[in-house]
Amino acid sequence: MKKNRNILGFTLGLFLSSLHFIWLLLVAFGVAKPIMDWILMLHHINFQYTIAQFNFGYAAFLVVFTFVVGFVSGWIIGLFWSLMPKK
């Protein structure tokens, strides 16, 4: 069962870090603000904000951090799942 927890953790970590990697690509290519403006408009939210300039160090930390958070979350979900009574 521990193998399944590691697989679930890896999968969730990879998924979350991939989403953030895509976001970082949008920031790096300068298309993040129009997309955020559109998403906020759909939610009827209007406020002033800026997208910070791309920073490789912060970007690397974001991808690694979200992978770790996803892995730990997936591992914990797998642990609880394995503790559920079987039919």
N, C-alpha and C. Protein backbone atom coordinates (compact mmCIF):
# COMPACT_ATOMS: atom_id res chain seq x y z
N MET A 1 0.80 -1.21 0.00
CA MET A 1 0.00 0.00 0.00
C MET A 1 0.85 1.27 0.00
N LYS A 2 2.06 1.21 0.60
CA LYS A 2 2.89 2.41 0.63
C LYS A 2 3.29 2.83 -0.78
N LYS A 3 3.48 1.84 -1.66
CA LYS A 3 3.81 2.15 -3.05
C LYS A 3 2.70 2.98 -3.69
N ASN A 4 1.44 2.62 -3.42
CA ASN A 4 0.31 3.36 -3.96
C ASN A 4 0.28 4.79 -3.44
N ARG A 5 0.63 4.98 -2.16
CA ARG A 5 0.67 6.34 -1.60
C ARG A 5 1.73 7.17 -2.30
N ASN A 6 2.88 6.56 -2.57
CA ASN A 6 3.95 7.29 -3.27
C ASN A 6 3.54 7.64 -4.70
N ILE A 7 2.87 6.72 -5.36
CA ILE A 7 2.41 6.99 -6.73
C ILE A 7 1.37 8.10 -6.74
N LEU A 8 0.43 8.05 -5.79
CA LEU A 8 -0.59 9.11 -5.71
C LEU A 8 0.07 10.44 -5.39
N GLY A 9 1.02 10.44 -4.46
CA GLY A 9 1.73 11.68 -4.12
C GLY A 9 2.49 12.23 -5.30
N PHE A 10 3.20 11.36 -6.02
CA PHE A 10 3.95 11.81 -7.19
C PHE A 10 3.02 12.37 -8.25
N THR A 11 1.89 11.69 -8.47
CA THR A 11 0.94 12.14 -9.50
C THR A 11 0.36 13.49 -9.15
N LEU A 12 -0.07 13.66 -7.91
CA LEU A 12 -0.65 14.95 -7.50
C LEU A 12 0.41 16.04 -7.51
N GLY A 13 1.62 15.72 -7.06
CA GLY A 13 2.70 16.70 -7.09
C GLY A 13 3.04 17.13 -8.51
N LEU A 14 3.10 16.17 -9.41
CA LEU A 14 3.39 16.48 -10.81
C LEU A 14 2.28 17.32 -11.43
N PHE A 15 1.03 17.01 -11.11
CA PHE A 15 -0.10 17.77 -11.64
C PHE A 15 -0.05 19.22 -11.16
N LEU A 16 0.11 19.43 -9.85
CA LEU A 16 0.12 20.80 -9.32
C LEU A 16 1.33 21.59 -9.83
N SER A 17 2.48 20.96 -9.85
CA SER A 17 3.66 21.69 -10.33
C SER A 17 3.56 21.98 -11.82
N SER A 18 2.92 21.11 -12.59
CA SER A 18 2.72 21.36 -14.02
C SER A 18 1.82 22.57 -14.26
N LEU A 19 0.75 22.68 -13.47
CA LEU A 19 -0.13 23.85 -13.59
C LEU A 19 0.64 25.14 -13.29
N HIS A 20 1.47 25.11 -12.27
CA HIS A 20 2.23 26.30 -11.93
C HIS A 20 3.33 26.58 -12.95
N PHE A 21 3.88 25.54 -13.56
CA PHE A 21 4.86 25.74 -14.62
C PHE A 21 4.21 26.44 -15.82
N ILE A 22 2.99 26.03 -16.15
CA ILE A 22 2.26 26.69 -17.25
C ILE A 22 2.03 28.16 -16.91
N TRP A 23 1.64 28.42 -15.65
CA TRP A 23 1.45 29.81 -15.22
C TRP A 23 2.75 30.60 -15.40
N LEU A 24 3.87 30.01 -15.01
CA LEU A 24 5.16 30.69 -15.13
C LEU A 24 5.51 30.98 -16.59
N LEU A 25 5.15 30.06 -17.49
CA LEU A 25 5.37 30.32 -18.91
C LEU A 25 4.54 31.51 -19.37
N LEU A 26 3.30 31.60 -18.89
CA LEU A 26 2.45 32.74 -19.25
C LEU A 26 3.05 34.05 -18.75
N VAL A 27 3.60 34.02 -17.53
CA VAL A 27 4.24 35.22 -16.98
C VAL A 27 5.49 35.56 -17.79
N ALA A 28 6.30 34.56 -18.08
CA ALA A 28 7.55 34.80 -18.81
C ALA A 28 7.31 35.38 -20.20
N PHE A 29 6.23 34.95 -20.85
CA PHE A 29 5.94 35.44 -22.20
C PHE A 29 5.04 36.66 -22.21
N GLY A 30 4.68 37.18 -21.03
CA GLY A 30 3.92 38.42 -20.93
C GLY A 30 2.44 38.31 -21.27
N VAL A 31 1.88 37.13 -21.20
CA VAL A 31 0.45 36.98 -21.53
C VAL A 31 -0.39 36.64 -20.30
N ALA A 32 0.20 36.70 -19.11
CA ALA A 32 -0.53 36.34 -17.90
C ALA A 32 -1.60 37.36 -17.54
N LYS A 33 -1.31 38.65 -17.68
CA LYS A 33 -2.26 39.68 -17.27
C LYS A 33 -3.55 39.65 -18.06
N PRO A 34 -3.52 39.56 -19.39
CA PRO A 34 -4.80 39.49 -20.11
C PRO A 34 -5.63 38.25 -19.73
N ILE A 35 -4.95 37.16 -19.46
CA ILE A 35 -5.69 35.96 -19.06
C ILE A 35 -6.31 36.16 -17.68
N MET A 36 -5.54 36.72 -16.75
CA MET A 36 -6.07 36.99 -15.41
C MET A 36 -7.21 38.00 -15.47
N ASP A 37 -7.07 39.03 -16.31
CA ASP A 37 -8.16 40.01 -16.46
C ASP A 37 -9.44 39.32 -16.92
N TRP A 38 -9.32 38.42 -17.87
CA TRP A 38 -10.48 37.69 -18.39
C TRP A 38 -11.11 36.80 -17.31
N ILE A 39 -10.26 36.07 -16.57
CA ILE A 39 -10.77 35.20 -15.51
C ILE A 39 -11.47 36.01 -14.43
N LEU A 40 -10.86 37.13 -14.03
CA LEU A 40 -11.48 37.96 -13.00
C LEU A 40 -12.80 38.57 -13.50
N MET A 41 -12.85 38.96 -14.77
CA MET A 41 -14.08 39.50 -15.33
C MET A 41 -15.20 38.46 -15.26
N LEU A 42 -14.88 37.20 -15.56
CA LEU A 42 -15.88 36.14 -15.49
C LEU A 42 -16.43 35.97 -14.07
N HIS A 43 -15.63 36.33 -13.08
CA HIS A 43 -16.04 36.20 -11.68
C HIS A 43 -16.59 37.53 -11.14
N HIS A 44 -16.77 38.50 -12.01
CA HIS A 44 -17.28 39.81 -11.63
C HIS A 44 -16.39 40.50 -10.58
N ILE A 45 -15.09 40.35 -10.77
CA ILE A 45 -14.11 40.97 -9.88
C ILE A 45 -13.34 42.01 -10.68
N ASN A 46 -13.19 43.19 -10.09
CA ASN A 46 -12.48 44.27 -10.76
C ASN A 46 -11.61 44.99 -9.74
N PHE A 47 -10.29 44.86 -9.86
CA PHE A 47 -9.37 45.61 -9.02
C PHE A 47 -8.05 45.78 -9.76
N GLN A 48 -7.25 46.71 -9.29
CA GLN A 48 -5.97 46.99 -9.93
C GLN A 48 -4.89 46.08 -9.34
N TYR A 49 -4.09 45.48 -10.18
CA TYR A 49 -2.99 44.63 -9.76
C TYR A 49 -1.95 44.64 -10.86
N THR A 50 -0.78 44.17 -10.53
CA THR A 50 0.28 44.02 -11.53
C THR A 50 0.85 42.60 -11.42
N ILE A 51 1.31 42.11 -12.54
CA ILE A 51 2.02 40.84 -12.58
C ILE A 51 3.51 41.19 -12.49
N ALA A 52 4.19 40.62 -11.51
CA ALA A 52 5.61 40.93 -11.30
C ALA A 52 6.44 40.41 -12.47
N GLN A 53 7.61 40.99 -12.60
CA GLN A 53 8.53 40.57 -13.65
C GLN A 53 9.01 39.14 -13.34
N PHE A 54 9.21 38.36 -14.39
CA PHE A 54 9.62 36.97 -14.23
C PHE A 54 10.98 36.90 -13.53
N ASN A 55 11.06 36.02 -12.53
CA ASN A 55 12.29 35.80 -11.78
C ASN A 55 12.53 34.30 -11.75
N PHE A 56 13.65 33.86 -12.31
CA PHE A 56 13.92 32.42 -12.42
C PHE A 56 14.00 31.74 -11.05
N GLY A 57 14.61 32.40 -10.08
CA GLY A 57 14.74 31.82 -8.74
C GLY A 57 13.39 31.57 -8.10
N TYR A 58 12.51 32.58 -8.16
CA TYR A 58 11.16 32.41 -7.62
C TYR A 58 10.40 31.35 -8.39
N ALA A 59 10.60 31.33 -9.69
CA ALA A 59 9.89 30.35 -10.52
C ALA A 59 10.30 28.93 -10.15
N ALA A 60 11.58 28.70 -10.00
CA ALA A 60 12.06 27.36 -9.62
C ALA A 60 11.52 26.97 -8.26
N PHE A 61 11.54 27.91 -7.32
CA PHE A 61 11.02 27.62 -5.98
C PHE A 61 9.53 27.28 -6.05
N LEU A 62 8.76 28.03 -6.84
CA LEU A 62 7.32 27.78 -6.96
C LEU A 62 7.04 26.37 -7.47
N VAL A 63 7.76 25.95 -8.50
CA VAL A 63 7.53 24.62 -9.08
C VAL A 63 7.90 23.53 -8.07
N VAL A 64 9.05 23.68 -7.42
CA VAL A 64 9.48 22.68 -6.43
C VAL A 64 8.52 22.66 -5.24
N PHE A 65 8.17 23.83 -4.74
CA PHE A 65 7.28 23.91 -3.58
C PHE A 65 5.91 23.29 -3.87
N THR A 66 5.34 23.59 -5.03
CA THR A 66 4.03 23.02 -5.34
C THR A 66 4.12 21.51 -5.56
N PHE A 67 5.25 21.02 -6.08
CA PHE A 67 5.41 19.57 -6.19
C PHE A 67 5.43 18.93 -4.81
N VAL A 68 6.18 19.52 -3.89
CA VAL A 68 6.28 18.97 -2.53
C VAL A 68 4.92 19.00 -1.84
N VAL A 69 4.21 20.11 -1.93
CA VAL A 69 2.88 20.20 -1.33
C VAL A 69 1.94 19.16 -1.94
N GLY A 70 1.98 19.01 -3.25
CA GLY A 70 1.14 18.01 -3.93
C GLY A 70 1.51 16.60 -3.53
N PHE A 71 2.83 16.32 -3.43
CA PHE A 71 3.27 14.98 -3.05
C PHE A 71 2.80 14.64 -1.64
N VAL A 72 3.02 15.56 -0.70
CA VAL A 72 2.62 15.31 0.69
C VAL A 72 1.10 15.16 0.78
N SER A 73 0.36 16.01 0.09
CA SER A 73 -1.10 15.91 0.11
C SER A 73 -1.57 14.57 -0.47
N GLY A 74 -1.01 14.17 -1.59
CA GLY A 74 -1.37 12.89 -2.20
C GLY A 74 -1.00 11.72 -1.31
N TRP A 75 0.15 11.80 -0.65
CA TRP A 75 0.59 10.73 0.24
C TRP A 75 -0.37 10.60 1.42
N ILE A 76 -0.79 11.74 1.98
CA ILE A 76 -1.73 11.72 3.11
C ILE A 76 -3.09 11.19 2.67
N ILE A 77 -3.56 11.60 1.50
CA ILE A 77 -4.83 11.07 0.98
C ILE A 77 -4.71 9.56 0.79
N GLY A 78 -3.59 9.10 0.25
CA GLY A 78 -3.36 7.66 0.08
C GLY A 78 -3.33 6.92 1.40
N LEU A 79 -2.74 7.56 2.42
CA LEU A 79 -2.71 6.95 3.76
C LEU A 79 -4.12 6.77 4.29
N PHE A 80 -4.93 7.83 4.22
CA PHE A 80 -6.30 7.74 4.71
C PHE A 80 -7.10 6.71 3.89
N TRP A 81 -6.84 6.70 2.60
CA TRP A 81 -7.55 5.74 1.73
C TRP A 81 -7.23 4.30 2.14
N SER A 82 -5.95 4.05 2.46
CA SER A 82 -5.55 2.70 2.84
C SER A 82 -6.10 2.30 4.21
N LEU A 83 -6.44 3.28 5.04
CA LEU A 83 -7.00 2.99 6.36
C LEU A 83 -8.50 2.76 6.32
N MET A 84 -9.12 3.05 5.18
CA MET A 84 -10.57 2.84 5.06
C MET A 84 -10.86 1.34 5.13
N PRO A 85 -11.95 0.98 5.80
CA PRO A 85 -12.29 -0.45 5.86
C PRO A 85 -12.62 -0.99 4.48
N LYS A 86 -12.16 -2.18 4.22
CA LYS A 86 -12.41 -2.83 2.93
C LYS A 86 -13.70 -3.64 3.03
N LYS A 87 -14.40 -3.76 1.93
CA LYS A 87 -15.66 -4.53 1.91
C LYS A 87 -15.38 -6.00 1.89
